[in-house]
Amino acid sequence: MSVAAAAAQAPQGAIVIGDDQARGAVETIAGETVQFALPVNAGTGYVWRAEAEAGLAVSGPEERPAAPVSPGTTGYRMLSIFLVTPARAGAYTVRFILARPWEKTTAREVSITMTVK
């Protein structure tokens, strides 16, 4: 699925992380919530989790289909939506990690640098 196709189903204004993206950078202001949408396949057991530095409040993930889905469909693309809110100005890193909870290895990691004014 392309980033453009996923963006059509992501919340308005969300930053959609592409399948091959490992890094990114965002500028924002203190107190403003930034939404990130990360792709995952339903039914595989993989889930995204976030690790953030002190000063960043993170909630999520909220899962939603990445495209309209017919009832009874299995194994479709999903978007995991995270909300990240910086408390104060500074430079921060938030890492999104894709893994199966019962495994020790990770399938993918995405590191986002946030510059907060």
PDB file of N, CA and C in Angstrom:
ATOM      1  N   MET A   1       0.843  -1.172   0.000  1.00  0.00           N
ATOM      2  CA  MET A   1       0.000   0.000   0.000  1.00  0.00           C
ATOM      3  C   MET A   1       0.887   1.233   0.000  1.00  0.00           C
ATOM      4  N   SER A   2       0.546   2.180  -0.820  1.00  0.00           N
ATOM      5  CA  SER A   2       1.329   3.404  -0.913  1.00  0.00           C
ATOM      6  C   SER A   2       1.021   4.323   0.261  1.00  0.00           C
ATOM      7  N   VAL A   3       1.944   5.241   0.512  1.00  0.00           N
ATOM      8  CA  VAL A   3       1.725   6.231   1.562  1.00  0.00           C
ATOM      9  C   VAL A   3       0.497   7.063   1.233  1.00  0.00           C
ATOM     10  N   ALA A   4       0.307   7.403  -0.038  1.00  0.00           N
ATOM     11  CA  ALA A   4      -0.857   8.208  -0.438  1.00  0.00           C
ATOM     12  C   ALA A   4      -2.158   7.477  -0.146  1.00  0.00           C
ATOM     13  N   ALA A   5      -2.211   6.180  -0.424  1.00  0.00           N
ATOM     14  CA  ALA A   5      -3.424   5.406  -0.158  1.00  0.00           C
ATOM     15  C   ALA A   5      -3.694   5.325   1.338  1.00  0.00           C
ATOM     16  N   ALA A   6      -2.651   5.106   2.131  1.00  0.00           N
ATOM     17  CA  ALA A   6      -2.823   5.050   3.581  1.00  0.00           C
ATOM     18  C   ALA A   6      -3.238   6.404   4.128  1.00  0.00           C
ATOM     19  N   ALA A   7      -2.697   7.475   3.578  1.00  0.00           N
ATOM     20  CA  ALA A   7      -3.034   8.816   4.048  1.00  0.00           C
ATOM     21  C   ALA A   7      -4.506   9.124   3.863  1.00  0.00           C
ATOM     22  N   ALA A   8      -5.124   8.540   2.853  1.00  0.00           N
ATOM     23  CA  ALA A   8      -6.547   8.776   2.609  1.00  0.00           C
ATOM     24  C   ALA A   8      -7.404   8.244   3.747  1.00  0.00           C
ATOM     25  N   GLN A   9      -6.939   7.226   4.468  1.00  0.00           N
ATOM     26  CA  GLN A   9      -7.693   6.638   5.571  1.00  0.00           C
ATOM     27  C   GLN A   9      -7.195   7.087   6.942  1.00  0.00           C
ATOM     28  N   ALA A  10      -6.067   7.747   6.996  1.00  0.00           N
ATOM     29  CA  ALA A  10      -5.511   8.221   8.261  1.00  0.00           C
ATOM     30  C   ALA A  10      -6.278   9.453   8.728  1.00  0.00           C
ATOM     31  N   PRO A  11      -6.220   9.744  10.033  1.00  0.00           N
ATOM     32  CA  PRO A  11      -6.853  10.972  10.513  1.00  0.00           C
ATOM     33  C   PRO A  11      -6.271  12.184   9.793  1.00  0.00           C
ATOM     34  N   GLN A  12      -7.096  13.187   9.591  1.00  0.00           N
ATOM     35  CA  GLN A  12      -6.642  14.397   8.906  1.00  0.00           C
ATOM     36  C   GLN A  12      -5.444  14.989   9.642  1.00  0.00           C
ATOM     37  N   GLY A  13      -4.402  15.282   8.916  1.00  0.00           N
ATOM     38  CA  GLY A  13      -3.203  15.879   9.488  1.00  0.00           C
ATOM     39  C   GLY A  13      -2.199  14.886  10.045  1.00  0.00           C
ATOM     40  N   ALA A  14      -2.531  13.597  10.045  1.00  0.00           N
ATOM     41  CA  ALA A  14      -1.607  12.591  10.580  1.00  0.00           C
ATOM     42  C   ALA A  14      -0.399  12.444   9.671  1.00  0.00           C
ATOM     43  N   ILE A  15       0.735  12.163  10.276  1.00  0.00           N
ATOM     44  CA  ILE A  15       1.949  11.866   9.528  1.00  0.00           C
ATOM     45  C   ILE A  15       1.954  10.366   9.283  1.00  0.00           C
ATOM     46  N   VAL A  16       1.887   9.975   8.021  1.00  0.00           N
ATOM     47  CA  VAL A  16       1.834   8.563   7.656  1.00  0.00           C
ATOM     48  C   VAL A  16       3.255   8.068   7.410  1.00  0.00           C
ATOM     49  N   ILE A  17       3.635   7.025   8.142  1.00  0.00           N
ATOM     50  CA  ILE A  17       4.965   6.440   8.013  1.00  0.00           C
ATOM     51  C   ILE A  17       4.921   5.381   6.919  1.00  0.00           C
ATOM     52  N   GLY A  18       5.783   5.498   5.925  1.00  0.00           N
ATOM     53  CA  GLY A  18       5.811   4.554   4.810  1.00  0.00           C
ATOM     54  C   GLY A  18       6.409   3.211   5.193  1.00  0.00           C
ATOM     55  N   ASP A  19       6.133   2.198   4.366  1.00  0.00           N
ATOM     56  CA  ASP A  19       6.616   0.841   4.626  1.00  0.00           C
ATOM     57  C   ASP A  19       8.134   0.751   4.702  1.00  0.00           C
ATOM     58  N   ASP A  20       8.847   1.606   3.979  1.00  0.00           N
ATOM     59  CA  ASP A  20      10.305   1.520   3.951  1.00  0.00           C
ATOM     60  C   ASP A  20      10.983   2.650   4.726  1.00  0.00           C
ATOM     61  N   GLN A  21      10.219   3.428   5.450  1.00  0.00           N
ATOM     62  CA  GLN A  21      10.762   4.572   6.177  1.00  0.00           C
ATOM     63  C   GLN A  21      11.314   4.128   7.528  1.00  0.00           C
ATOM     64  N   ALA A  22      12.550   4.516   7.842  1.00  0.00           N
ATOM     65  CA  ALA A  22      13.175   4.156   9.114  1.00  0.00           C
ATOM     66  C   ALA A  22      13.419   5.369   9.999  1.00  0.00           C
ATOM     67  N   ARG A  23      13.420   6.552   9.389  1.00  0.00           N
ATOM     68  CA  ARG A  23      13.689   7.781  10.136  1.00  0.00           C
ATOM     69  C   ARG A  23      12.779   8.886   9.636  1.00  0.00           C
ATOM     70  N   GLY A  24      12.644   9.898  10.473  1.00  0.00           N
ATOM     71  CA  GLY A  24      11.855  11.051  10.072  1.00  0.00           C
ATOM     72  C   GLY A  24      12.109  12.201  11.025  1.00  0.00           C
ATOM     73  N   ALA A  25      11.632  13.379  10.654  1.00  0.00           N
ATOM     74  CA  ALA A  25      11.783  14.564  11.488  1.00  0.00           C
ATOM     75  C   ALA A  25      10.500  15.381  11.411  1.00  0.00           C
ATOM     76  N   VAL A  26      10.144  15.960  12.553  1.00  0.00           N
ATOM     77  CA  VAL A  26       8.922  16.752  12.659  1.00  0.00           C
ATOM     78  C   VAL A  26       9.231  17.997  13.472  1.00  0.00           C
ATOM     79  N   GLU A  27       8.694  19.129  13.049  1.00  0.00           N
ATOM     80  CA  GLU A  27       8.756  20.353  13.843  1.00  0.00           C
ATOM     81  C   GLU A  27       7.362  20.667  14.337  1.00  0.00           C
ATOM     82  N   THR A  28       7.255  21.061  15.607  1.00  0.00           N
ATOM     83  CA  THR A  28       5.960  21.385  16.188  1.00  0.00           C
ATOM     84  C   THR A  28       6.167  22.392  17.312  1.00  0.00           C
ATOM     85  N   ILE A  29       5.100  22.723  18.013  1.00  0.00           N
ATOM     86  CA  ILE A  29       5.191  23.629  19.153  1.00  0.00           C
ATOM     87  C   ILE A  29       4.761  22.880  20.410  1.00  0.00           C
ATOM     88  N   ALA A  30       5.260  23.329  21.541  1.00  0.00           N
ATOM     89  CA  ALA A  30       4.933  22.687  22.812  1.00  0.00           C
ATOM     90  C   ALA A  30       3.422  22.673  23.017  1.00  0.00           C
ATOM     91  N   GLY A  31       2.918  21.540  23.460  1.00  0.00           N
ATOM     92  CA  GLY A  31       1.494  21.386  23.726  1.00  0.00           C
ATOM     93  C   GLY A  31       0.663  20.956  22.535  1.00  0.00           C
ATOM     94  N   GLU A  32       1.235  20.974  21.333  1.00  0.00           N
ATOM     95  CA  GLU A  32       0.494  20.577  20.125  1.00  0.00           C
ATOM     96  C   GLU A  32       0.659  19.072  19.890  1.00  0.00           C
ATOM     97  N   THR A  33      -0.459  18.379  19.734  1.00  0.00           N
ATOM     98  CA  THR A  33      -0.432  16.934  19.515  1.00  0.00           C
ATOM     99  C   THR A  33      -0.150  16.615  18.054  1.00  0.00           C
ATOM    100  N   VAL A  34       0.782  15.699  17.844  1.00  0.00           N
ATOM    101  CA  VAL A  34       1.128  15.224  16.507  1.00  0.00           C
ATOM    102  C   VAL A  34       0.645  13.781  16.400  1.00  0.00           C
ATOM    103  N   GLN A  35      -0.048  13.461  15.304  1.00  0.00           N
ATOM    104  CA  GLN A  35      -0.541  12.103  15.070  1.00  0.00           C
ATOM    105  C   GLN A  35       0.376  11.391  14.083  1.00  0.00           C
ATOM    106  N   PHE A  36       0.714  10.146  14.421  1.00  0.00           N
ATOM    107  CA  PHE A  36       1.506   9.304  13.539  1.00  0.00           C
ATOM    108  C   PHE A  36       0.680   8.080  13.180  1.00  0.00           C
ATOM    109  N   ALA A  37       0.684   7.688  11.903  1.00  0.00           N
ATOM    110  CA  ALA A  37      -0.039   6.506  11.426  1.00  0.00           C
ATOM    111  C   ALA A  37       0.977   5.532  10.838  1.00  0.00           C
ATOM    112  N   LEU A  38       1.025   4.328  11.406  1.00  0.00           N
ATOM    113  CA  LEU A  38       1.999   3.315  10.981  1.00  0.00           C
ATOM    114  C   LEU A  38       1.268   2.091  10.453  1.00  0.00           C
ATOM    115  N   PRO A  39       1.705   1.540   9.302  1.00  0.00           N
ATOM    116  CA  PRO A  39       1.019   0.402   8.695  1.00  0.00           C
ATOM    117  C   PRO A  39       1.367  -0.925   9.368  1.00  0.00           C
ATOM    118  N   VAL A  40       0.365  -1.806   9.419  1.00  0.00           N
ATOM    119  CA  VAL A  40       0.553  -3.161   9.950  1.00  0.00           C
ATOM    120  C   VAL A  40      -0.493  -4.058   9.305  1.00  0.00           C
ATOM    121  N   ASN A  41      -0.195  -5.336   9.174  1.00  0.00           N
ATOM    122  CA  ASN A  41      -1.162  -6.283   8.615  1.00  0.00           C
ATOM    123  C   ASN A  41      -1.945  -6.945   9.737  1.00  0.00           C
ATOM    124  N   ALA A  42      -3.269  -6.918   9.649  1.00  0.00           N
ATOM    125  CA  ALA A  42      -4.124  -7.559  10.643  1.00  0.00           C
ATOM    126  C   ALA A  42      -3.912  -9.068  10.616  1.00  0.00           C
ATOM    127  N   GLY A  43      -4.013  -9.681  11.780  1.00  0.00           N
ATOM    128  CA  GLY A  43      -3.954 -11.132  11.865  1.00  0.00           C
ATOM    129  C   GLY A  43      -2.564 -11.733  11.915  1.00  0.00           C
ATOM    130  N   THR A  44      -1.524 -10.915  11.900  1.00  0.00           N
ATOM    131  CA  THR A  44      -0.152 -11.438  11.908  1.00  0.00           C
ATOM    132  C   THR A  44       0.434 -11.534  13.314  1.00  0.00           C
ATOM    133  N   GLY A  45      -0.205 -10.873  14.269  1.00  0.00           N
ATOM    134  CA  GLY A  45       0.322 -10.833  15.629  1.00  0.00           C
ATOM    135  C   GLY A  45       1.261  -9.677  15.883  1.00  0.00           C
ATOM    136  N   TYR A  46       1.664  -8.974  14.829  1.00  0.00           N
ATOM    137  CA  TYR A  46       2.551  -7.830  15.004  1.00  0.00           C
ATOM    138  C   TYR A  46       1.765  -6.623  15.500  1.00  0.00           C
ATOM    139  N   VAL A  47       2.351  -5.901  16.459  1.00  0.00           N
ATOM    140  CA  VAL A  47       1.755  -4.669  16.966  1.00  0.00           C
ATOM    141  C   VAL A  47       2.859  -3.625  17.116  1.00  0.00           C
ATOM    142  N   TRP A  48       2.471  -2.375  16.927  1.00  0.00           N
ATOM    143  CA  TRP A  48       3.388  -1.261  17.136  1.00  0.00           C
ATOM    144  C   TRP A  48       3.326  -0.842  18.596  1.00  0.00           C
ATOM    145  N   ARG A  49       4.479  -0.457  19.150  1.00  0.00           N
ATOM    146  CA  ARG A  49       4.530   0.192  20.455  1.00  0.00           C
ATOM    147  C   ARG A  49       5.446   1.401  20.314  1.00  0.00           C
ATOM    148  N   ALA A  50       5.291   2.348  21.217  1.00  0.00           N
ATOM    149  CA  ALA A  50       6.096   3.566  21.161  1.00  0.00           C
ATOM    150  C   ALA A  50       6.971   3.673  22.402  1.00  0.00           C
ATOM    151  N   GLU A  51       8.188   4.152  22.205  1.00  0.00           N
ATOM    152  CA  GLU A  51       9.097   4.491  23.294  1.00  0.00           C
ATOM    153  C   GLU A  51       9.484   5.943  23.087  1.00  0.00           C
ATOM    154  N   ALA A  52       9.252   6.767  24.107  1.00  0.00           N
ATOM    155  CA  ALA A  52       9.502   8.200  23.957  1.00  0.00           C
ATOM    156  C   ALA A  52      10.321   8.728  25.125  1.00  0.00           C
ATOM    157  N   GLU A  53      11.070   9.772  24.844  1.00  0.00           N
ATOM    158  CA  GLU A  53      11.852  10.427  25.883  1.00  0.00           C
ATOM    159  C   GLU A  53      10.928  11.166  26.844  1.00  0.00           C
ATOM    160  N   ALA A  54      11.449  11.425  28.045  1.00  0.00           N
ATOM    161  CA  ALA A  54      10.711  12.240  29.008  1.00  0.00           C
ATOM    162  C   ALA A  54      10.404  13.584  28.361  1.00  0.00           C
ATOM    163  N   GLY A  55       9.225  14.096  28.611  1.00  0.00           N
ATOM    164  CA  GLY A  55       8.795  15.349  27.995  1.00  0.00           C
ATOM    165  C   GLY A  55       7.819  15.140  26.858  1.00  0.00           C
ATOM    166  N   LEU A  56       7.647  13.875  26.439  1.00  0.00           N
ATOM    167  CA  LEU A  56       6.670  13.539  25.400  1.00  0.00           C
ATOM    168  C   LEU A  56       5.596  12.645  26.010  1.00  0.00           C
ATOM    169  N   ALA A  57       4.346  13.039  25.866  1.00  0.00           N
ATOM    170  CA  ALA A  57       3.224  12.193  26.279  1.00  0.00           C
ATOM    171  C   ALA A  57       2.743  11.435  25.052  1.00  0.00           C
ATOM    172  N   VAL A  58       2.644  10.112  25.170  1.00  0.00           N
ATOM    173  CA  VAL A  58       2.251   9.271  24.035  1.00  0.00           C
ATOM    174  C   VAL A  58       1.012   8.471  24.402  1.00  0.00           C
ATOM    175  N   SER A  59       0.030   8.462  23.506  1.00  0.00           N
ATOM    176  CA  SER A  59      -1.119   7.572  23.675  1.00  0.00           C
ATOM    177  C   SER A  59      -1.317   6.788  22.383  1.00  0.00           C
ATOM    178  N   GLY A  60      -1.870   5.609  22.528  1.00  0.00           N
ATOM    179  CA  GLY A  60      -2.122   4.747  21.381  1.00  0.00           C
ATOM    180  C   GLY A  60      -1.492   3.397  21.599  1.00  0.00           C
ATOM    181  N   PRO A  61      -1.640   2.516  20.658  1.00  0.00           N
ATOM    182  CA  PRO A  61      -2.201   2.786  19.336  1.00  0.00           C
ATOM    183  C   PRO A  61      -3.705   2.577  19.275  1.00  0.00           C
ATOM    184  N   GLU A  62      -4.329   3.345  18.400  1.00  0.00           N
ATOM    185  CA  GLU A  62      -5.706   3.106  17.967  1.00  0.00           C
ATOM    186  C   GLU A  62      -5.576   2.446  16.600  1.00  0.00           C
ATOM    187  N   GLU A  63      -6.245   1.327  16.420  1.00  0.00           N
ATOM    188  CA  GLU A  63      -6.155   0.592  15.155  1.00  0.00           C
ATOM    189  C   GLU A  63      -7.351   0.916  14.273  1.00  0.00           C
ATOM    190  N   ARG A  64      -7.094   1.098  12.975  1.00  0.00           N
ATOM    191  CA  ARG A  64      -8.177   1.298  12.009  1.00  0.00           C
ATOM    192  C   ARG A  64      -7.756   0.739  10.659  1.00  0.00           C
ATOM    193  N   PRO A  65      -8.713   0.285   9.848  1.00  0.00           N
ATOM    194  CA  PRO A  65      -8.377  -0.229   8.514  1.00  0.00           C
ATOM    195  C   PRO A  65      -7.688   0.851   7.676  1.00  0.00           C
ATOM    196  N   ALA A  66      -6.705   0.449   6.884  1.00  0.00           N
ATOM    197  CA  ALA A  66      -5.991   1.384   6.016  1.00  0.00           C
ATOM    198  C   ALA A  66      -6.762   1.683   4.738  1.00  0.00           C
ATOM    199  N   ALA A  67      -7.802   0.907   4.483  1.00  0.00           N
ATOM    200  CA  ALA A  67      -8.670   1.107   3.316  1.00  0.00           C
ATOM    201  C   ALA A  67     -10.030   0.509   3.673  1.00  0.00           C
ATOM    202  N   PRO A  68     -11.082   0.901   2.972  1.00  0.00           N
ATOM    203  CA  PRO A  68     -12.390   0.302   3.256  1.00  0.00           C
ATOM    204  C   PRO A  68     -12.312  -1.228   3.169  1.00  0.00           C
ATOM    205  N   VAL A  69     -12.985  -1.901   4.118  1.00  0.00           N
ATOM    206  CA  VAL A  69     -12.921  -3.358   4.215  1.00  0.00           C
ATOM    207  C   VAL A  69     -14.334  -3.929   4.207  1.00  0.00           C
ATOM    208  N   SER A  70     -14.539  -4.969   3.421  1.00  0.00           N
ATOM    209  CA  SER A  70     -15.828  -5.664   3.386  1.00  0.00           C
ATOM    210  C   SER A  70     -15.962  -6.541   4.623  1.00  0.00           C
ATOM    211  N   PRO A  71     -17.189  -6.707   5.145  1.00  0.00           N
ATOM    212  CA  PRO A  71     -17.391  -7.585   6.300  1.00  0.00           C
ATOM    213  C   PRO A  71     -16.851  -8.987   6.010  1.00  0.00           C
ATOM    214  N   GLY A  72     -16.195  -9.577   6.994  1.00  0.00           N
ATOM    215  CA  GLY A  72     -15.653 -10.920   6.852  1.00  0.00           C
ATOM    216  C   GLY A  72     -14.255 -10.986   6.271  1.00  0.00           C
ATOM    217  N   THR A  73     -13.706  -9.856   5.859  1.00  0.00           N
ATOM    218  CA  THR A  73     -12.358  -9.833   5.296  1.00  0.00           C
ATOM    219  C   THR A  73     -11.333 -10.067   6.405  1.00  0.00           C
ATOM    220  N   THR A  74     -10.320 -10.863   6.129  1.00  0.00           N
ATOM    221  CA  THR A  74      -9.246 -11.091   7.093  1.00  0.00           C
ATOM    222  C   THR A  74      -7.907 -10.717   6.474  1.00  0.00           C
ATOM    223  N   GLY A  75      -6.923 -10.429   7.324  1.00  0.00           N
ATOM    224  CA  GLY A  75      -5.569 -10.163   6.863  1.00  0.00           C
ATOM    225  C   GLY A  75      -5.381  -8.856   6.127  1.00  0.00           C
ATOM    226  N   TYR A  76      -6.211  -7.878   6.372  1.00  0.00           N
ATOM    227  CA  TYR A  76      -6.114  -6.605   5.654  1.00  0.00           C
ATOM    228  C   TYR A  76      -5.128  -5.652   6.324  1.00  0.00           C
ATOM    229  N   ARG A  77      -4.780  -4.595   5.603  1.00  0.00           N
ATOM    230  CA  ARG A  77      -3.859  -3.574   6.117  1.00  0.00           C
ATOM    231  C   ARG A  77      -4.566  -2.706   7.138  1.00  0.00           C
ATOM    232  N   MET A  78      -3.840  -2.403   8.193  1.00  0.00           N
ATOM    233  CA  MET A  78      -4.337  -1.541   9.259  1.00  0.00           C
ATOM    234  C   MET A  78      -3.384  -0.364   9.414  1.00  0.00           C
ATOM    235  N   LEU A  79      -3.877   0.672  10.078  1.00  0.00           N
ATOM    236  CA  LEU A  79      -3.030   1.774  10.515  1.00  0.00           C
ATOM    237  C   LEU A  79      -3.083   1.812  12.035  1.00  0.00           C
ATOM    238  N   SER A  80      -1.931   1.877  12.661  1.00  0.00           N
ATOM    239  CA  SER A  80      -1.832   2.073  14.105  1.00  0.00           C
ATOM    240  C   SER A  80      -1.582   3.557  14.324  1.00  0.00           C
ATOM    241  N   ILE A  81      -2.516   4.211  15.008  1.00  0.00           N
ATOM    242  CA  ILE A  81      -2.452   5.660  15.202  1.00  0.00           C
ATOM    243  C   ILE A  81      -1.931   5.964  16.607  1.00  0.00           C
ATOM    244  N   PHE A  82      -0.879   6.767  16.685  1.00  0.00           N
ATOM    245  CA  PHE A  82      -0.327   7.226  17.958  1.00  0.00           C
ATOM    246  C   PHE A  82      -0.457   8.742  18.036  1.00  0.00           C
ATOM    247  N   LEU A  83      -0.730   9.255  19.222  1.00  0.00           N
ATOM    248  CA  LEU A  83      -0.765  10.689  19.485  1.00  0.00           C
ATOM    249  C   LEU A  83       0.428  11.028  20.369  1.00  0.00           C
ATOM    250  N   VAL A  84       1.232  11.996  19.948  1.00  0.00           N
ATOM    251  CA  VAL A  84       2.428  12.393  20.692  1.00  0.00           C
ATOM    252  C   VAL A  84       2.336  13.887  20.970  1.00  0.00           C
ATOM    253  N   THR A  85       2.416  14.244  22.263  1.00  0.00           N
ATOM    254  CA  THR A  85       2.300  15.644  22.666  1.00  0.00           C
ATOM    255  C   THR A  85       3.525  16.043  23.480  1.00  0.00           C
ATOM    256  N   PRO A  86       4.320  16.999  22.978  1.00  0.00           N
ATOM    257  CA  PRO A  86       5.474  17.478  23.744  1.00  0.00           C
ATOM    258  C   PRO A  86       5.031  18.504  24.789  1.00  0.00           C
ATOM    259  N   ALA A  87       5.612  18.409  25.979  1.00  0.00           N
ATOM    260  CA  ALA A  87       5.243  19.319  27.066  1.00  0.00           C
ATOM    261  C   ALA A  87       5.970  20.656  26.986  1.00  0.00           C
ATOM    262  N   ARG A  88       7.182  20.634  26.446  1.00  0.00           N
ATOM    263  CA  ARG A  88       7.977  21.872  26.422  1.00  0.00           C
ATOM    264  C   ARG A  88       8.933  21.862  25.223  1.00  0.00           C
ATOM    265  N   ALA A  89       9.539  23.007  24.981  1.00  0.00           N
ATOM    266  CA  ALA A  89      10.473  23.146  23.859  1.00  0.00           C
ATOM    267  C   ALA A  89      11.692  22.247  24.057  1.00  0.00           C
ATOM    268  N   GLY A  90      12.276  21.833  22.942  1.00  0.00           N
ATOM    269  CA  GLY A  90      13.475  21.002  22.984  1.00  0.00           C
ATOM    270  C   GLY A  90      13.519  20.055  21.802  1.00  0.00           C
ATOM    271  N   ALA A  91      14.495  19.171  21.820  1.00  0.00           N
ATOM    272  CA  ALA A  91      14.628  18.145  20.784  1.00  0.00           C
ATOM    273  C   ALA A  91      14.386  16.789  21.437  1.00  0.00           C
ATOM    274  N   TYR A  92      13.541  15.992  20.821  1.00  0.00           N
ATOM    275  CA  TYR A  92      13.138  14.702  21.387  1.00  0.00           C
ATOM    276  C   TYR A  92      13.175  13.630  20.309  1.00  0.00           C
ATOM    277  N   THR A  93      13.229  12.390  20.767  1.00  0.00           N
ATOM    278  CA  THR A  93      13.125  11.255  19.860  1.00  0.00           C
ATOM    279  C   THR A  93      12.014  10.340  20.346  1.00  0.00           C
ATOM    280  N   VAL A  94      11.178   9.913  19.416  1.00  0.00           N
ATOM    281  CA  VAL A  94      10.180   8.882  19.698  1.00  0.00           C
ATOM    282  C   VAL A  94      10.466   7.731  18.746  1.00  0.00           C
ATOM    283  N   ARG A  95      10.485   6.520  19.301  1.00  0.00           N
ATOM    284  CA  ARG A  95      10.738   5.323  18.492  1.00  0.00           C
ATOM    285  C   ARG A  95       9.468   4.497  18.443  1.00  0.00           C
ATOM    286  N   PHE A  96       9.129   4.043  17.254  1.00  0.00           N
ATOM    287  CA  PHE A  96       8.007   3.132  17.059  1.00  0.00           C
ATOM    288  C   PHE A  96       8.600   1.772  16.713  1.00  0.00           C
ATOM    289  N   ILE A  97       8.167   0.749  17.436  1.00  0.00           N
ATOM    290  CA  ILE A  97       8.748  -0.585  17.305  1.00  0.00           C
ATOM    291  C   ILE A  97       7.648  -1.573  16.947  1.00  0.00           C
ATOM    292  N   LEU A  98       7.850  -2.307  15.857  1.00  0.00           N
ATOM    293  CA  LEU A  98       6.895  -3.317  15.398  1.00  0.00           C
ATOM    294  C   LEU A  98       7.421  -4.689  15.799  1.00  0.00           C
ATOM    295  N   ALA A  99       6.624  -5.420  16.581  1.00  0.00           N
ATOM    296  CA  ALA A  99       7.053  -6.742  17.047  1.00  0.00           C
ATOM    297  C   ALA A  99       5.839  -7.560  17.462  1.00  0.00           C
ATOM    298  N   ARG A 100       6.061  -8.849  17.572  1.00  0.00           N
ATOM    299  CA  ARG A 100       5.068  -9.728  18.195  1.00  0.00           C
ATOM    300  C   ARG A 100       5.394  -9.751  19.684  1.00  0.00           C
ATOM    301  N   PRO A 101       4.397  -9.522  20.546  1.00  0.00           N
ATOM    302  CA  PRO A 101       4.668  -9.413  21.985  1.00  0.00           C
ATOM    303  C   PRO A 101       5.373 -10.628  22.587  1.00  0.00           C
ATOM    304  N   TRP A 102       5.180 -11.797  22.035  1.00  0.00           N
ATOM    305  CA  TRP A 102       5.764 -13.008  22.607  1.00  0.00           C
ATOM    306  C   TRP A 102       7.157 -13.314  22.060  1.00  0.00           C
ATOM    307  N   GLU A 103       7.639 -12.528  21.115  1.00  0.00           N
ATOM    308  CA  GLU A 103       8.967 -12.748  20.545  1.00  0.00           C
ATOM    309  C   GLU A 103       9.952 -11.701  21.051  1.00  0.00           C
ATOM    310  N   LYS A 104      11.225 -12.056  21.084  1.00  0.00           N
ATOM    311  CA  LYS A 104      12.254 -11.132  21.557  1.00  0.00           C
ATOM    312  C   LYS A 104      12.817 -10.248  20.445  1.00  0.00           C
ATOM    313  N   THR A 105      12.551 -10.595  19.196  1.00  0.00           N
ATOM    314  CA  THR A 105      13.074  -9.826  18.071  1.00  0.00           C
ATOM    315  C   THR A 105      12.041  -8.802  17.603  1.00  0.00           C
ATOM    316  N   THR A 106      12.524  -7.794  16.907  1.00  0.00           N
ATOM    317  CA  THR A 106      11.628  -6.798  16.329  1.00  0.00           C
ATOM    318  C   THR A 106      11.626  -6.948  14.812  1.00  0.00           C
ATOM    319  N   ALA A 107      10.495  -6.618  14.213  1.00  0.00           N
ATOM    320  CA  ALA A 107      10.377  -6.687  12.757  1.00  0.00           C
ATOM    321  C   ALA A 107      10.824  -5.386  12.109  1.00  0.00           C
ATOM    322  N   ARG A 108      10.633  -4.289  12.842  1.00  0.00           N
ATOM    323  CA  ARG A 108      10.916  -2.981  12.251  1.00  0.00           C
ATOM    324  C   ARG A 108      10.973  -1.928  13.340  1.00  0.00           C
ATOM    325  N   GLU A 109      11.780  -0.898  13.126  1.00  0.00           N
ATOM    326  CA  GLU A 109      11.830   0.251  14.022  1.00  0.00           C
ATOM    327  C   GLU A 109      11.848   1.521  13.187  1.00  0.00           C
ATOM    328  N   VAL A 110      11.146   2.532  13.693  1.00  0.00           N
ATOM    329  CA  VAL A 110      11.121   3.847  13.056  1.00  0.00           C
ATOM    330  C   VAL A 110      11.467   4.868  14.132  1.00  0.00           C
ATOM    331  N   SER A 111      12.444   5.715  13.863  1.00  0.00           N
ATOM    332  CA  SER A 111      12.881   6.735  14.808  1.00  0.00           C
ATOM    333  C   SER A 111      12.516   8.115  14.258  1.00  0.00           C
ATOM    334  N   ILE A 112      11.762   8.877  15.049  1.00  0.00           N
ATOM    335  CA  ILE A 112      11.338  10.217  14.640  1.00  0.00           C
ATOM    336  C   ILE A 112      11.959  11.243  15.584  1.00  0.00           C
ATOM    337  N   THR A 113      12.642  12.217  15.018  1.00  0.00           N
ATOM    338  CA  THR A 113      13.177  13.332  15.791  1.00  0.00           C
ATOM    339  C   THR A 113      12.148  14.453  15.784  1.00  0.00           C
ATOM    340  N   MET A 114      11.799  14.922  16.970  1.00  0.00           N
ATOM    341  CA  MET A 114      10.832  16.018  17.089  1.00  0.00           C
ATOM    342  C   MET A 114      11.553  17.263  17.596  1.00  0.00           C
ATOM    343  N   THR A 115      11.482  18.340  16.826  1.00  0.00           N
ATOM    344  CA  THR A 115      12.000  19.631  17.250  1.00  0.00           C
ATOM    345  C   THR A 115      10.803  20.448  17.706  1.00  0.00           C
ATOM    346  N   VAL A 116      10.826  20.838  18.974  1.00  0.00           N
ATOM    347  CA  VAL A 116       9.672  21.511  19.582  1.00  0.00           C
ATOM    348  C   VAL A 116      10.062  22.930  19.954  1.00  0.00           C
ATOM    349  N   LYS A 117       9.247  23.876  19.489  1.00  0.00           N
ATOM    350  CA  LYS A 117       9.498  25.296  19.782  1.00  0.00           C
ATOM    351  C   LYS A 117       8.559  25.781  20.852  1.00  0.00           C
TER     352      LYS A 117
END
